[in-house]
PDB file of N, CA and C in Angstrom:
ATOM      1  N   ALA A   1     207.841 122.417  13.870  1.00  0.00           N
ATOM      2  CA  ALA A   1     209.192 122.838  13.571  1.00  0.00           C
ATOM      3  C   ALA A   1     208.767 124.226  12.969  1.00  0.00           C
ATOM      4  N   ALA A   2     209.392 125.661  13.299  1.00  0.00           N
ATOM      5  CA  ALA A   2     208.880 126.999  13.653  1.00  0.00           C
ATOM      6  C   ALA A   2     208.686 127.043  11.869  1.00  0.00           C
ATOM      7  N   SER A   3     208.311 127.617  11.534  1.00  0.00           N
ATOM      8  CA  SER A   3     207.535 128.757   9.832  1.00  0.00           C
ATOM      9  C   SER A   3     208.816 130.152   9.954  1.00  0.00           C
ATOM     10  N   MET A   4     209.530 129.935   8.707  1.00  0.00           N
ATOM     11  CA  MET A   4     209.849 131.850   8.871  1.00  0.00           C
ATOM     12  C   MET A   4     209.390 132.169   7.749  1.00  0.00           C
ATOM     13  N   VAL A   5     209.251 133.371   8.014  1.00  0.00           N
ATOM     14  CA  VAL A   5     208.624 134.150   6.787  1.00  0.00           C
ATOM     15  C   VAL A   5     209.426 135.515   5.992  1.00  0.00           C
ATOM     16  N   GLU A   6     209.189 135.061   4.843  1.00  0.00           N
ATOM     17  CA  GLU A   6     210.410 135.878   3.995  1.00  0.00           C
ATOM     18  C   GLU A   6     209.732 137.563   3.899  1.00  0.00           C
ATOM     19  N   THR A   7     211.097 138.098   3.805  1.00  0.00           N
ATOM     20  CA  THR A   7     209.939 139.885   4.082  1.00  0.00           C
ATOM     21  C   THR A   7     211.018 140.051   3.255  1.00  0.00           C
ATOM     22  N   GLU A   8     210.617 141.583   2.533  1.00  0.00           N
ATOM     23  CA  GLU A   8     211.871 141.971   1.869  1.00  0.00           C
ATOM     24  C   GLU A   8     212.033 143.796   2.108  1.00  0.00           C
ATOM     25  N   ASP A   9     212.755 144.167   1.772  1.00  0.00           N
ATOM     26  CA  ASP A   9     212.783 145.334   1.750  1.00  0.00           C
ATOM     27  C   ASP A   9     212.195 146.438   0.708  1.00  0.00           C
ATOM     28  N   ASP A  10     211.786 148.064   1.100  1.00  0.00           N
ATOM     29  CA  ASP A  10     211.569 148.363   0.000  1.00  0.00           C
ATOM     30  C   ASP A  10     212.697 149.096  -0.611  1.00  0.00           C
ATOM     31  N   ALA A  11     212.203 149.413  -1.828  1.00  0.00           N
ATOM     32  CA  ALA A  11     212.636 149.371  -2.647  1.00  0.00           C
ATOM     33  C   ALA A  11     214.260 150.443  -2.360  1.00  0.00           C
ATOM     34  N   GLU A  12     213.845 151.413  -1.729  1.00  0.00           N
ATOM     35  CA  GLU A  12     215.110 152.587  -1.539  1.00  0.00           C
ATOM     36  C   GLU A  12     215.711 152.380  -0.234  1.00  0.00           C
ATOM     37  N   VAL A  13     215.615 151.112   0.467  1.00  0.00           N
ATOM     38  CA  VAL A  13     216.328 150.576   1.458  1.00  0.00           C
ATOM     39  C   VAL A  13     217.067 149.460   0.825  1.00  0.00           C
ATOM     40  N   LEU A  14     216.269 148.411   0.310  1.00  0.00           N
ATOM     41  CA  LEU A  14     217.602 147.724  -0.839  1.00  0.00           C
ATOM     42  C   LEU A  14     218.891 148.245  -1.497  1.00  0.00           C
ATOM     43  N   ARG A  15     218.447 149.416  -2.008  1.00  0.00           N
ATOM     44  CA  ARG A  15     219.227 150.584  -2.785  1.00  0.00           C
ATOM     45  C   ARG A  15     220.278 150.530  -1.817  1.00  0.00           C
ATOM     46  N   GLY A  16     220.267 151.389  -1.159  1.00  0.00           N
ATOM     47  CA  GLY A  16     221.138 151.630   0.138  1.00  0.00           C
ATOM     48  C   GLY A  16     222.226 150.477   0.630  1.00  0.00           C
ATOM     49  N   LYS A  17     221.407 149.301   0.824  1.00  0.00           N
ATOM     50  CA  LYS A  17     222.211 147.874   0.959  1.00  0.00           C
ATOM     51  C   LYS A  17     222.744 147.598  -0.123  1.00  0.00           C
ATOM     52  N   ILE A  18     222.229 148.042  -1.228  1.00  0.00           N
ATOM     53  CA  ILE A  18     223.453 147.142  -2.138  1.00  0.00           C
ATOM     54  C   ILE A  18     224.451 148.089  -2.569  1.00  0.00           C
ATOM     55  N   ASP A  19     224.260 149.477  -2.599  1.00  0.00           N
ATOM     56  CA  ASP A  19     224.981 150.210  -2.432  1.00  0.00           C
ATOM     57  C   ASP A  19     226.519 150.158  -1.615  1.00  0.00           C
ATOM     58  N   ALA A  20     225.929 150.328  -0.492  1.00  0.00           N
ATOM     59  CA  ALA A  20     227.205 149.894   0.610  1.00  0.00           C
ATOM     60  C   ALA A  20     227.972 148.459   0.411  1.00  0.00           C
ATOM     61  N   LEU A  21     227.140 147.484   0.101  1.00  0.00           N
ATOM     62  CA  LEU A  21     227.957 146.266  -0.265  1.00  0.00           C
ATOM     63  C   LEU A  21     228.619 145.963  -1.258  1.00  0.00           C
ATOM     64  N   SER A  22     228.339 147.198  -2.245  1.00  0.00           N
ATOM     65  CA  SER A  22     229.015 147.324  -3.372  1.00  0.00           C
ATOM     66  C   SER A  22     230.648 148.067  -3.306  1.00  0.00           C
ATOM     67  N   GLU A  23     230.181 149.264  -2.492  1.00  0.00           N
ATOM     68  CA  GLU A  23     231.693 149.795  -1.684  1.00  0.00           C
ATOM     69  C   GLU A  23     232.439 149.025  -1.260  1.00  0.00           C
ATOM     70  N   MET A  24     231.678 148.124  -0.389  1.00  0.00           N
ATOM     71  CA  MET A  24     232.845 146.973   0.551  1.00  0.00           C
ATOM     72  C   MET A  24     233.396 145.971  -0.887  1.00  0.00           C
ATOM     73  N   LEU A  25     232.473 145.645  -1.593  1.00  0.00           N
ATOM     74  CA  LEU A  25     233.072 144.809  -2.479  1.00  0.00           C
ATOM     75  C   LEU A  25     234.044 145.181  -3.293  1.00  0.00           C
ATOM     76  N   ALA A  26     234.076 146.264  -3.751  1.00  0.00           N
ATOM     77  CA  ALA A  26     234.761 147.610  -4.724  1.00  0.00           C
ATOM     78  C   ALA A  26     236.336 148.115  -3.688  1.00  0.00           C
ATOM     79  N   GLY A  27     236.185 147.637  -2.764  1.00  0.00           N
ATOM     80  CA  GLY A  27     237.698 147.838  -1.403  1.00  0.00           C
ATOM     81  C   GLY A  27     238.140 146.905  -1.535  1.00  0.00           C
ATOM     82  N   ALA A  28     237.879 145.659  -1.653  1.00  0.00           N
ATOM     83  CA  ALA A  28     238.833 143.962  -1.360  1.00  0.00           C
ATOM     84  C   ALA A  28     238.933 143.055  -2.240  1.00  0.00           C
ATOM     85  N   ARG A  29     239.876 143.106  -1.414  1.00  0.00           N
ATOM     86  CA  ARG A  29     240.870 141.935  -2.405  1.00  0.00           C
ATOM     87  C   ARG A  29     240.864 140.783  -2.796  1.00  0.00           C
ATOM     88  N   HIS A  30     239.807 140.034  -1.498  1.00  0.00           N
ATOM     89  CA  HIS A  30     239.280 138.496  -1.691  1.00  0.00           C
ATOM     90  C   HIS A  30     237.582 139.003  -1.358  1.00  0.00           C
ATOM     91  N   VAL A  31     236.984 138.239  -2.123  1.00  0.00           N
ATOM     92  CA  VAL A  31     235.413 137.649  -1.609  1.00  0.00           C
ATOM     93  C   VAL A  31     234.794 136.522  -1.852  1.00  0.00           C
ATOM     94  N   VAL A  32     234.423 136.086  -0.258  1.00  0.00           N
ATOM     95  CA  VAL A  32     233.529 134.759  -0.523  1.00  0.00           C
ATOM     96  C   VAL A  32     232.215 134.820  -0.235  1.00  0.00           C
ATOM     97  N   VAL A  33     231.419 134.369  -1.114  1.00  0.00           N
ATOM     98  CA  VAL A  33     229.910 134.961  -0.305  1.00  0.00           C
ATOM     99  C   VAL A  33     228.982 133.195  -0.213  1.00  0.00           C
ATOM    100  N   TYR A  34     228.318 133.024   0.784  1.00  0.00           N
ATOM    101  CA  TYR A  34     228.034 131.709   1.066  1.00  0.00           C
ATOM    102  C   TYR A  34     226.203 132.348   1.286  1.00  0.00           C
ATOM    103  N   THR A  35     225.651 131.835   0.430  1.00  0.00           N
ATOM    104  CA  THR A  35     223.817 131.410   0.648  1.00  0.00           C
ATOM    105  C   THR A  35     223.573 130.234   0.232  1.00  0.00           C
ATOM    106  N   GLY A  36     222.094 130.411   0.987  1.00  0.00           N
ATOM    107  CA  GLY A  36     221.362 129.369   1.027  1.00  0.00           C
ATOM    108  C   GLY A  36     220.606 129.129  -0.278  1.00  0.00           C
ATOM    109  N   ALA A  37     219.566 128.258  -0.140  1.00  0.00           N
ATOM    110  CA  ALA A  37     218.195 128.035  -1.499  1.00  0.00           C
ATOM    111  C   ALA A  37     217.480 128.797  -1.714  1.00  0.00           C
ATOM    112  N   GLY A  38     217.251 129.716  -0.334  1.00  0.00           N
ATOM    113  CA  GLY A  38     216.369 130.560  -0.534  1.00  0.00           C
ATOM    114  C   GLY A  38     216.692 131.941  -1.426  1.00  0.00           C
ATOM    115  N   ILE A  39     218.153 132.345  -1.992  1.00  0.00           N
ATOM    116  CA  ILE A  39     218.360 133.102  -2.818  1.00  0.00           C
ATOM    117  C   ILE A  39     217.959 132.671  -4.261  1.00  0.00           C
ATOM    118  N   SER A  40     217.280 131.777  -3.925  1.00  0.00           N
ATOM    119  CA  SER A  40     216.889 131.043  -5.780  1.00  0.00           C
ATOM    120  C   SER A  40     215.513 130.947  -5.461  1.00  0.00           C
ATOM    121  N   THR A  41     214.886 130.509  -4.541  1.00  0.00           N
ATOM    122  CA  THR A  41     213.550 130.255  -4.601  1.00  0.00           C
ATOM    123  C   THR A  41     212.345 131.568  -4.252  1.00  0.00           C
ATOM    124  N   ALA A  42     212.994 132.414  -4.604  1.00  0.00           N
ATOM    125  CA  ALA A  42     212.488 133.589  -4.826  1.00  0.00           C
ATOM    126  C   ALA A  42     212.587 133.991  -6.181  1.00  0.00           C
ATOM    127  N   ALA A  43     213.316 133.356  -7.200  1.00  0.00           N
ATOM    128  CA  ALA A  43     213.474 133.398  -8.556  1.00  0.00           C
ATOM    129  C   ALA A  43     212.316 132.140  -9.010  1.00  0.00           C
ATOM    130  N   ASN A  44     211.261 131.944  -8.266  1.00  0.00           N
ATOM    131  CA  ASN A  44     211.084 130.296  -8.754  1.00  0.00           C
ATOM    132  C   ASN A  44     211.934 128.966  -8.856  1.00  0.00           C
ATOM    133  N   ILE A  45     213.059 128.802  -8.673  1.00  0.00           N
ATOM    134  CA  ILE A  45     214.137 128.126  -8.347  1.00  0.00           C
ATOM    135  C   ILE A  45     213.251 126.892  -7.288  1.00  0.00           C
ATOM    136  N   PRO A  46     213.537 126.007  -7.453  1.00  0.00           N
ATOM    137  CA  PRO A  46     212.943 125.092  -6.027  1.00  0.00           C
ATOM    138  C   PRO A  46     214.278 124.674  -5.055  1.00  0.00           C
ATOM    139  N   ASP A  47     214.296 124.524  -4.153  1.00  0.00           N
ATOM    140  CA  ASP A  47     214.794 124.077  -3.286  1.00  0.00           C
ATOM    141  C   ASP A  47     215.809 122.938  -2.945  1.00  0.00           C
ATOM    142  N   TYR A  48     216.247 122.832  -2.351  1.00  0.00           N
ATOM    143  CA  TYR A  48     216.063 120.728  -2.187  1.00  0.00           C
ATOM    144  C   TYR A  48     215.241 120.318  -1.142  1.00  0.00           C
ATOM    145  N   ARG A  49     215.424 121.085   0.056  1.00  0.00           N
ATOM    146  CA  ARG A  49     214.218 120.022   0.841  1.00  0.00           C
ATOM    147  C   ARG A  49     213.357 120.644   1.400  1.00  0.00           C
ATOM    148  N   GLY A  50     212.507 121.733   0.565  1.00  0.00           N
ATOM    149  CA  GLY A  50     211.079 121.861   0.882  1.00  0.00           C
ATOM    150  C   GLY A  50     210.278 121.064   0.482  1.00  0.00           C
ATOM    151  N   PRO A  51     209.087 121.319   0.736  1.00  0.00           N
ATOM    152  CA  PRO A  51     207.690 120.204   0.243  1.00  0.00           C
ATOM    153  C   PRO A  51     208.070 120.154  -1.175  1.00  0.00           C
ATOM    154  N   GLN A  52     208.458 121.128  -1.509  1.00  0.00           N
ATOM    155  CA  GLN A  52     208.548 120.538  -3.553  1.00  0.00           C
ATOM    156  C   GLN A  52     209.759 120.518  -3.708  1.00  0.00           C
ATOM    157  N   GLY A  53     210.541 120.504  -2.899  1.00  0.00           N
ATOM    158  CA  GLY A  53     212.231 120.632  -3.387  1.00  0.00           C
ATOM    159  C   GLY A  53     212.667 119.092  -3.816  1.00  0.00           C
ATOM    160  N   ILE A  54     213.878 119.384  -4.652  1.00  0.00           N
ATOM    161  CA  ILE A  54     214.043 118.688  -5.367  1.00  0.00           C
ATOM    162  C   ILE A  54     213.902 117.316  -5.047  1.00  0.00           C
ATOM    163  N   TRP A  55     214.495 116.738  -3.873  1.00  0.00           N
ATOM    164  CA  TRP A  55     215.295 115.557  -3.039  1.00  0.00           C
ATOM    165  C   TRP A  55     214.187 115.573  -2.572  1.00  0.00           C
ATOM    166  N   THR A  56     212.861 116.258  -2.005  1.00  0.00           N
ATOM    167  CA  THR A  56     211.866 115.529  -1.615  1.00  0.00           C
ATOM    168  C   THR A  56     210.753 115.075  -3.034  1.00  0.00           C
ATOM    169  N   GLN A  57     210.741 115.451  -4.060  1.00  0.00           N
ATOM    170  CA  GLN A  57     210.053 114.926  -5.290  1.00  0.00           C
ATOM    171  C   GLN A  57     210.653 113.849  -5.508  1.00  0.00           C
ATOM    172  N   GLN A  58     212.225 113.214  -5.412  1.00  0.00           N
ATOM    173  CA  GLN A  58     212.686 112.376  -5.876  1.00  0.00           C
ATOM    174  C   GLN A  58     212.048 111.076  -4.761  1.00  0.00           C
ATOM    175  N   LYS A  59     212.474 111.315  -3.674  1.00  0.00           N
ATOM    176  CA  LYS A  59     212.341 110.280  -2.451  1.00  0.00           C
ATOM    177  C   LYS A  59     210.248 109.869  -3.074  1.00  0.00           C
ATOM    178  N   LYS A  60     209.756 111.109  -3.807  1.00  0.00           N
ATOM    179  CA  LYS A  60     208.688 110.152  -4.401  1.00  0.00           C
ATOM    180  C   LYS A  60     208.233 110.081  -5.577  1.00  0.00           C
ATOM    181  N   ALA A  61     209.258 110.402  -6.807  1.00  0.00           N
ATOM    182  CA  ALA A  61     209.109 109.788  -7.777  1.00  0.00           C
ATOM    183  C   ALA A  61     209.006 108.321  -8.023  1.00  0.00           C
ATOM    184  N   PRO A  62     208.433 107.992  -8.675  1.00  0.00           N
ATOM    185  CA  PRO A  62     208.630 106.362  -9.369  1.00  0.00           C
ATOM    186  C   PRO A  62     210.071 105.975  -9.472  1.00  0.00           C
ATOM    187  N   ALA A  63     209.817 104.519  -9.340  1.00  0.00           N
ATOM    188  CA  ALA A  63     211.687 104.242  -9.548  1.00  0.00           C
ATOM    189  C   ALA A  63     211.891 104.308 -11.315  1.00  0.00           C
ATOM    190  N   GLY A  64     213.141 104.696 -11.044  1.00  0.00           N
ATOM    191  CA  GLY A  64     213.584 104.699 -12.630  1.00  0.00           C
ATOM    192  C   GLY A  64     213.501 106.294 -12.732  1.00  0.00           C
ATOM    193  N   LYS A  65     212.463 107.327 -12.682  1.00  0.00           N
ATOM    194  CA  LYS A  65     212.071 108.702 -12.678  1.00  0.00           C
ATOM    195  C   LYS A  65     213.032 110.200 -11.771  1.00  0.00           C
ATOM    196  N   ALA A  66     213.939 109.364 -10.997  1.00  0.00           N
ATOM    197  CA  ALA A  66     214.027 110.279  -9.896  1.00  0.00           C
ATOM    198  C   ALA A  66     214.794 110.896 -10.028  1.00  0.00           C
ATOM    199  N   GLY A  67     216.524 109.766 -10.508  1.00  0.00           N
ATOM    200  CA  GLY A  67     217.619 110.893 -11.678  1.00  0.00           C
ATOM    201  C   GLY A  67     217.069 111.782 -12.718  1.00  0.00           C
ATOM    202  N   SER A  68     215.540 111.982 -13.266  1.00  0.00           N
ATOM    203  CA  SER A  68     215.591 113.179 -14.409  1.00  0.00           C
ATOM    204  C   SER A  68     215.326 114.245 -13.494  1.00  0.00           C
ATOM    205  N   LEU A  69     214.753 114.292 -12.056  1.00  0.00           N
ATOM    206  CA  LEU A  69     214.653 115.659 -11.013  1.00  0.00           C
ATOM    207  C   LEU A  69     215.217 115.971 -10.645  1.00  0.00           C
ATOM    208  N   SER A  70     216.956 115.814 -10.708  1.00  0.00           N
ATOM    209  CA  SER A  70     218.060 116.420 -10.331  1.00  0.00           C
ATOM    210  C   SER A  70     218.934 117.006 -11.271  1.00  0.00           C
ATOM    211  N   SER A  71     218.976 116.463 -12.819  1.00  0.00           N
ATOM    212  CA  SER A  71     219.842 116.941 -14.016  1.00  0.00           C
ATOM    213  C   SER A  71     219.167 117.643 -14.893  1.00  0.00           C
ATOM    214  N   GLY A  72     220.141 118.734 -15.164  1.00  0.00           N
ATOM    215  CA  GLY A  72     219.880 119.157 -16.304  1.00  0.00           C
ATOM    216  C   GLY A  72     219.133 120.031 -16.412  1.00  0.00           C
ATOM    217  N   SER A  73     219.054 121.182 -17.079  1.00  0.00           N
ATOM    218  CA  SER A  73     218.548 122.722 -16.995  1.00  0.00           C
ATOM    219  C   SER A  73     216.821 121.840 -16.643  1.00  0.00           C
ATOM    220  N   ARG A  74     216.595 121.226 -16.410  1.00  0.00           N
ATOM    221  CA  ARG A  74     214.982 121.178 -15.727  1.00  0.00           C
ATOM    222  C   ARG A  74     214.977 120.779 -14.889  1.00  0.00           C
ATOM    223  N   ALA A  75     215.864 120.253 -13.952  1.00  0.00           N
ATOM    224  CA  ALA A  75     215.826 119.595 -12.700  1.00  0.00           C
ATOM    225  C   ALA A  75     214.860 120.457 -11.919  1.00  0.00           C
ATOM    226  N   GLY A  76     214.373 119.017 -11.074  1.00  0.00           N
ATOM    227  CA  GLY A  76     213.189 119.884 -10.239  1.00  0.00           C
ATOM    228  C   GLY A  76     211.714 120.164 -11.390  1.00  0.00           C
ATOM    229  N   GLY A  77     211.716 119.917 -12.107  1.00  0.00           N
ATOM    230  CA  GLY A  77     210.532 120.290 -13.194  1.00  0.00           C
ATOM    231  C   GLY A  77     210.605 121.566 -13.265  1.00  0.00           C
ATOM    232  N   VAL A  78     212.110 122.517 -13.274  1.00  0.00           N
ATOM    233  CA  VAL A  78     211.424 123.923 -13.617  1.00  0.00           C
ATOM    234  C   VAL A  78     212.412 124.272 -14.443  1.00  0.00           C
ATOM    235  N   ASP A  79     212.135 124.695 -15.749  1.00  0.00           N
ATOM    236  CA  ASP A  79     212.986 124.889 -17.256  1.00  0.00           C
ATOM    237  C   ASP A  79     213.550 126.440 -16.126  1.00  0.00           C
ATOM    238  N   LYS A  80     215.030 125.891 -15.591  1.00  0.00           N
ATOM    239  CA  LYS A  80     215.802 127.152 -15.664  1.00  0.00           C
ATOM    240  C   LYS A  80     216.512 128.126 -16.542  1.00  0.00           C
ATOM    241  N   LEU A  81     215.881 127.669 -17.606  1.00  0.00           N
ATOM    242  CA  LEU A  81     216.723 128.800 -19.459  1.00  0.00           C
ATOM    243  C   LEU A  81     215.131 129.646 -19.229  1.00  0.00           C
ATOM    244  N   GLY A  82     213.966 129.369 -18.547  1.00  0.00           N
ATOM    245  CA  GLY A  82     213.348 130.579 -17.947  1.00  0.00           C
ATOM    246  C   GLY A  82     213.214 131.367 -17.381  1.00  0.00           C
ATOM    247  N   VAL A  83     213.671 131.039 -16.252  1.00  0.00           N
ATOM    248  CA  VAL A  83     213.891 131.870 -14.349  1.00  0.00           C
ATOM    249  C   VAL A  83     213.803 132.911 -15.373  1.00  0.00           C
ATOM    250  N   THR A  84     213.826 134.113 -14.001  1.00  0.00           N
ATOM    251  CA  THR A  84     215.096 135.702 -14.309  1.00  0.00           C
ATOM    252  C   THR A  84     215.115 135.470 -12.531  1.00  0.00           C
ATOM    253  N   PRO A  85     216.379 135.795 -13.055  1.00  0.00           N
ATOM    254  CA  PRO A  85     216.889 135.854 -11.492  1.00  0.00           C
ATOM    255  C   PRO A  85     216.975 137.322 -11.087  1.00  0.00           C
ATOM    256  N   THR A  86     216.822 137.547  -9.302  1.00  0.00           N
ATOM    257  CA  THR A  86     216.807 138.455  -8.609  1.00  0.00           C
ATOM    258  C   THR A  86     217.782 138.823  -8.595  1.00  0.00           C
ATOM    259  N   GLU A  87     217.514 140.523  -8.065  1.00  0.00           N
ATOM    260  CA  GLU A  87     218.420 141.001  -7.542  1.00  0.00           C
ATOM    261  C   GLU A  87     219.618 140.807  -6.739  1.00  0.00           C
ATOM    262  N   GLY A  88     219.363 139.607  -5.923  1.00  0.00           N
ATOM    263  CA  GLY A  88     220.477 138.477  -5.038  1.00  0.00           C
ATOM    264  C   GLY A  88     221.263 138.002  -6.357  1.00  0.00           C
ATOM    265  N   HIS A  89     220.643 137.337  -7.251  1.00  0.00           N
ATOM    266  CA  HIS A  89     221.524 136.834  -7.809  1.00  0.00           C
ATOM    267  C   HIS A  89     223.192 137.339  -8.627  1.00  0.00           C
TER     268      HIS A  89
END
């Protein structure tokens, strides 16, 4: 399987993109946004299918423990009350 590399724009380029998006949103009557799990992995929130993903960990969990991996504020073993959203959030 091919591996994807996450890249980041520098702050000035990112700010320009955010400003352009803000203008489009301000003029829109309706907006729908689709994102993938990658928007949260940058904030240290696990994805579902990756090596440390919630579903992957559920498959590895002993009987009776898998349910606790996918529910509540500690789903995936991460305290979601302690994560910091990224600008994408």
